[in-house]
Amino acid sequence: MKQFSRIVMIILLGTCIAGCSPGQETAPAQNSSLPETIPAETAEAVQEPTEEEIIASIIDAGKEQTVCIFTATGNNGTGFIYNGQYVVTNEHVLYDTDDFTMRDVNGKEYTGTVVFGDPANDIAVIRTEDLTGSSVTFGDSDALSVGDTLICIGNPAEGEPFSSCTGKCLELDEALEQKVDRNNRFIHTDADLISGYSGGPVFNMKGEVIGLGNAAYVEDLSAYEFDHLSLIIPINRVREQIEAACKQ
């Protein structure tokens, strides 16, 4: 019996020596049922921005890409910077005058020379020097869908320069489309493009220019779900002309 006890003690002692070598620490058991926690600052960092935050960011960046145009005839409008030293606007903003100035969001004023005009498509390109703003990026106006948000920057005759408004891309019934757009040449929106927004940039939710503000429809809209209808020149319709003019 004593011999058996010695054998048991030797076995236990060997087990301890093998599993508890000097200086070796054993890791505490982990409870796999405990949920992992994310630090508060990390959780905030991964939150997606809201639509309002995205729009505000596009407006801030868009103002740096925009100039307000003031003519001697009082026919004020808006334009956007393209290819570093050019401003794109509506032809009707500069109609019958070469006397105009442009102002950026920082208050710096510029003069310029009209290098291209197309009354049929109502676009004009002005060349100037020392523009400090950044150039816009063109998007794909054909990729717009009904309900998409549009963001516009303008120089309203009665209001503050570099004002902004937003609206949705609209679908019109055939009767109204025949009245305002017989050649299907425009993007329709309920954004409130009042006088002075002409020629201004219209952005999609990626911050890309998909058109130029052009006109507002002023007849009775009581039969429709919207109370304001504006027309935007789609950038795809005039992009090639603009790009060619900005290589002069």
Protein backbone atom coordinates (compact mmCIF):
# COMPACT_ATOMS: atom_id res chain seq x y z
CA MET A 1 0.00 0.00 0.00
CA LYS A 2 2.86 2.37 0.83
CA GLN A 3 4.46 1.57 -2.47
CA PHE A 4 1.21 2.43 -4.29
CA SER A 5 1.01 5.78 -2.45
CA ARG A 6 4.57 6.63 -3.52
CA ILE A 7 3.71 5.91 -7.16
CA VAL A 8 0.67 8.21 -6.99
CA MET A 9 2.71 11.01 -5.43
CA ILE A 10 5.42 10.69 -8.07
CA ILE A 11 2.82 10.89 -10.86
CA LEU A 12 1.20 14.00 -9.34
CA LEU A 13 4.57 15.64 -8.79
CA GLY A 14 5.57 14.95 -12.43
CA THR A 15 2.35 16.48 -13.67
CA CYS A 16 2.99 19.64 -11.68
CA ILE A 17 6.57 19.90 -12.92
CA ALA A 18 5.48 19.45 -16.56
CA GLY A 19 2.60 21.97 -16.42
CA CYS A 20 4.05 24.59 -14.07
CA SER A 21 7.58 25.25 -15.22
CA PRO A 22 9.43 28.08 -13.42
CA GLY A 23 8.64 31.59 -14.72
CA GLN A 24 5.71 30.46 -16.91
CA GLU A 25 2.48 32.40 -16.47
CA THR A 26 -0.88 30.95 -17.29
CA ALA A 27 -3.40 33.06 -19.22
CA PRO A 28 -6.66 33.72 -17.43
CA ALA A 29 -9.68 31.99 -18.84
CA GLN A 30 -11.66 34.17 -21.25
CA ASN A 31 -15.41 34.37 -21.06
CA SER A 32 -16.53 34.06 -24.70
CA SER A 33 -20.05 35.08 -23.74
CA LEU A 34 -19.03 38.67 -22.97
CA PRO A 35 -19.81 41.06 -25.88
CA GLU A 36 -17.02 43.06 -27.49
CA THR A 37 -17.21 46.80 -26.85
CA ILE A 38 -16.23 49.59 -29.28
CA PRO A 39 -14.74 52.78 -27.82
CA ALA A 40 -17.12 55.71 -28.07
CA GLU A 41 -14.78 57.73 -30.28
CA THR A 42 -14.48 54.81 -32.72
CA ALA A 43 -18.26 54.37 -32.89
CA GLU A 44 -18.66 58.06 -33.72
CA ALA A 45 -16.01 57.85 -36.43
CA VAL A 46 -17.84 55.13 -38.36
CA GLN A 47 -21.23 56.88 -38.38
CA GLU A 48 -22.42 57.80 -41.88
CA PRO A 49 -23.05 61.52 -42.50
CA THR A 50 -26.67 62.59 -42.79
CA GLU A 51 -28.15 63.92 -46.01
CA GLU A 52 -28.20 67.40 -44.49
CA GLU A 53 -24.48 67.16 -43.65
CA ILE A 54 -23.65 65.99 -47.18
CA ILE A 55 -25.63 68.87 -48.71
CA ALA A 56 -23.95 71.41 -46.43
CA SER A 57 -20.53 70.07 -47.41
CA ILE A 58 -21.35 70.27 -51.14
CA ILE A 59 -22.60 73.84 -50.75
CA ASP A 60 -19.41 74.90 -48.94
CA ALA A 61 -17.19 73.33 -51.61
CA GLY A 62 -19.46 74.58 -54.42
CA LYS A 63 -19.16 78.21 -53.36
CA GLU A 64 -15.40 77.96 -53.89
CA GLN A 65 -16.12 76.78 -57.45
CA THR A 66 -18.65 79.53 -58.21
CA VAL A 67 -18.47 83.20 -59.23
CA CYS A 68 -21.25 85.76 -59.14
CA ILE A 69 -21.60 87.84 -62.30
CA PHE A 70 -22.65 91.50 -62.27
CA THR A 71 -23.40 93.27 -65.56
CA ALA A 72 -23.70 96.96 -66.35
CA THR A 73 -27.25 96.32 -67.54
CA GLY A 74 -28.24 94.83 -64.19
CA ASN A 75 -28.79 91.37 -65.66
CA ASN A 76 -26.88 89.56 -62.94
CA GLY A 77 -26.19 85.86 -62.96
CA THR A 78 -23.85 83.12 -61.86
CA GLY A 79 -21.08 80.99 -63.33
CA PHE A 80 -18.77 78.16 -62.35
CA ILE A 81 -15.03 77.68 -62.73
CA TYR A 82 -13.78 75.09 -65.18
CA ASN A 83 -10.27 74.12 -66.24
CA GLY A 84 -8.62 76.68 -63.99
CA GLN A 85 -9.09 79.92 -65.91
CA TYR A 86 -12.55 79.71 -67.46
CA VAL A 87 -16.03 80.54 -66.21
CA VAL A 88 -19.11 78.87 -67.71
CA THR A 89 -22.48 80.60 -67.56
CA ASN A 90 -25.70 81.18 -69.55
CA GLU A 91 -25.39 83.19 -72.73
CA HIS A 92 -28.41 85.26 -71.77
CA VAL A 93 -26.62 86.52 -68.64
CA LEU A 94 -24.14 88.37 -70.87
CA TYR A 95 -26.66 89.23 -73.57
CA ASP A 96 -25.79 92.45 -75.42
CA THR A 97 -23.01 93.55 -73.05
CA ASP A 98 -19.28 93.20 -72.64
CA ASP A 99 -19.30 95.23 -69.46
CA PHE A 100 -19.36 92.81 -66.54
CA THR A 101 -17.39 91.83 -63.47
CA MET A 102 -17.15 88.55 -61.61
CA ARG A 103 -16.69 88.04 -57.88
CA ASP A 104 -15.59 84.94 -56.00
CA VAL A 105 -16.75 83.87 -52.56
CA ASN A 106 -13.77 85.62 -50.94
CA GLY A 107 -14.74 88.96 -52.49
CA LYS A 108 -12.04 89.09 -55.15
CA GLU A 109 -13.21 90.64 -58.42
CA TYR A 110 -12.26 89.65 -61.96
CA THR A 111 -12.81 90.83 -65.49
CA GLY A 112 -12.82 88.51 -68.47
CA THR A 113 -13.30 87.97 -72.18
CA VAL A 114 -16.10 85.92 -73.71
CA VAL A 115 -14.43 83.27 -75.87
CA PHE A 116 -17.51 81.23 -76.74
CA GLY A 117 -21.23 81.81 -76.96
CA ASP A 118 -24.09 79.60 -78.13
CA PRO A 119 -27.53 81.28 -77.93
CA ALA A 120 -29.31 78.09 -79.07
CA ASN A 121 -28.03 76.13 -76.07
CA ASP A 122 -27.77 79.28 -73.90
CA ILE A 123 -24.18 78.80 -72.76
CA ALA A 124 -21.17 81.09 -72.75
CA VAL A 125 -17.55 80.63 -71.72
CA ILE A 126 -15.45 83.45 -70.28
CA ARG A 127 -11.67 83.41 -70.05
CA THR A 128 -10.08 85.25 -67.15
CA GLU A 129 -6.85 85.36 -65.15
CA ASP A 130 -5.74 84.58 -61.60
CA LEU A 131 -8.84 82.70 -60.49
CA THR A 132 -8.28 81.50 -56.95
CA GLY A 133 -11.24 79.14 -56.73
CA SER A 134 -11.22 75.46 -57.63
CA SER A 135 -12.60 73.89 -60.79
CA VAL A 136 -15.78 71.83 -60.83
CA THR A 137 -15.95 68.16 -61.76
CA PHE A 138 -18.55 67.18 -64.34
CA GLY A 139 -20.93 64.33 -63.56
CA ASP A 140 -23.25 62.32 -65.81
CA SER A 141 -26.57 64.09 -66.20
CA ASP A 142 -28.01 61.06 -67.99
CA ALA A 143 -27.59 59.06 -64.76
CA LEU A 144 -30.12 61.20 -62.86
CA SER A 145 -33.31 59.56 -61.67
CA VAL A 146 -36.63 61.03 -60.60
CA GLY A 147 -36.41 61.97 -56.94
CA ASP A 148 -32.66 62.61 -56.90
CA THR A 149 -31.59 65.60 -54.84
CA LEU A 150 -30.13 68.58 -56.72
CA ILE A 151 -28.14 71.41 -55.12
CA CYS A 152 -27.97 74.84 -56.76
CA ILE A 153 -25.84 77.92 -56.08
CA GLY A 154 -26.77 81.35 -57.42
CA ASN A 155 -26.67 85.13 -57.26
CA PRO A 156 -30.30 86.17 -56.79
CA ALA A 157 -31.26 89.68 -57.80
CA GLU A 158 -33.06 90.06 -54.49
CA GLY A 159 -30.93 88.23 -51.96
CA GLU A 160 -27.39 87.39 -50.98
CA PRO A 161 -24.69 86.40 -53.48
CA PHE A 162 -23.75 82.71 -53.24
CA SER A 163 -27.20 81.74 -52.04
CA SER A 164 -28.20 78.11 -52.38
CA CYS A 165 -31.32 76.01 -52.75
CA THR A 166 -32.12 72.34 -53.13
CA GLY A 167 -34.83 70.37 -54.89
CA LYS A 168 -35.71 67.06 -56.46
CA CYS A 169 -35.47 65.87 -60.04
CA LEU A 170 -39.07 65.83 -61.32
CA GLU A 171 -41.00 63.69 -63.75
CA LEU A 172 -43.54 65.65 -65.79
CA ASP A 173 -46.65 64.36 -67.45
CA GLU A 174 -46.85 64.64 -71.22
CA ALA A 175 -49.08 67.71 -71.25
CA LEU A 176 -46.78 69.82 -69.11
CA GLU A 177 -43.65 68.54 -70.79
CA GLN A 178 -45.03 69.69 -74.15
CA LYS A 179 -45.40 73.20 -72.74
CA VAL A 180 -41.97 73.59 -71.14
CA ASP A 181 -39.73 71.15 -72.97
CA ARG A 182 -40.80 70.19 -76.46
CA ASN A 183 -37.34 68.89 -77.35
CA ASN A 184 -36.68 67.16 -74.02
CA ARG A 185 -33.71 69.43 -73.52
CA PHE A 186 -33.92 70.12 -69.80
CA ILE A 187 -33.75 68.57 -66.35
CA HIS A 188 -36.86 69.54 -64.40
CA THR A 189 -36.66 70.36 -60.70
CA ASP A 190 -38.73 71.93 -57.95
CA ALA A 191 -35.64 73.81 -56.70
CA ASP A 192 -36.47 77.51 -56.40
CA LEU A 193 -34.28 78.93 -59.19
CA ILE A 194 -35.22 82.59 -59.11
CA SER A 195 -33.67 85.36 -61.20
CA GLY A 196 -29.89 85.46 -60.72
CA TYR A 197 -29.40 81.69 -60.53
CA SER A 198 -28.99 81.62 -64.32
CA GLY A 199 -25.73 79.93 -65.30
CA GLY A 200 -25.03 78.71 -61.80
CA PRO A 201 -23.80 75.20 -61.04
CA VAL A 202 -26.23 72.42 -60.18
CA PHE A 203 -24.66 69.59 -58.21
CA ASN A 204 -25.65 66.00 -57.57
CA MET A 205 -25.11 64.34 -54.19
CA LYS A 206 -21.55 63.44 -55.19
CA GLY A 207 -20.63 67.11 -55.56
CA GLU A 208 -20.44 66.83 -59.35
CA VAL A 209 -21.92 69.43 -61.71
CA ILE A 210 -24.73 67.86 -63.71
CA GLY A 211 -26.14 71.06 -65.18
CA LEU A 212 -26.56 74.84 -65.28
CA GLY A 213 -29.47 76.71 -63.78
CA ASN A 214 -31.47 78.20 -66.64
CA ALA A 215 -35.08 79.30 -66.13
CA ALA A 216 -38.21 79.04 -64.02
CA TYR A 217 -41.69 78.10 -65.23
CA VAL A 218 -44.12 80.76 -63.99
CA GLU A 219 -47.55 79.54 -65.14
CA ASP A 220 -50.18 77.89 -62.95
CA LEU A 221 -48.99 74.65 -61.34
CA SER A 222 -52.01 74.03 -59.09
CA ALA A 223 -52.82 70.78 -60.90
CA TYR A 224 -49.48 69.25 -59.94
CA GLU A 225 -47.80 67.93 -56.81
CA PHE A 226 -45.17 70.67 -56.88
CA ASP A 227 -45.56 74.44 -56.72
CA HIS A 228 -42.33 75.45 -58.41
CA LEU A 229 -40.78 74.23 -61.65
CA SER A 230 -37.28 75.16 -62.79
CA LEU A 231 -35.33 74.15 -65.87
CA ILE A 232 -31.70 72.99 -65.79
CA ILE A 233 -29.49 72.60 -68.85
CA PRO A 234 -28.05 69.06 -68.58
CA ILE A 235 -24.27 69.07 -68.67
CA ASN A 236 -24.14 66.16 -71.12
CA ARG A 237 -25.85 68.31 -73.73
CA VAL A 238 -23.19 71.04 -73.65
CA ARG A 239 -20.13 69.32 -72.24
CA GLU A 240 -18.29 68.88 -75.54
CA GLN A 241 -18.77 72.55 -76.44
CA ILE A 242 -17.51 73.68 -73.03
CA GLU A 243 -14.47 71.42 -73.13
CA ALA A 244 -13.57 72.58 -76.64
CA ALA A 245 -13.95 76.26 -75.71
CA CYS A 246 -11.76 75.83 -72.63
CA LYS A 247 -8.85 74.59 -74.75
CA GLN A 248 -8.52 77.88 -76.62
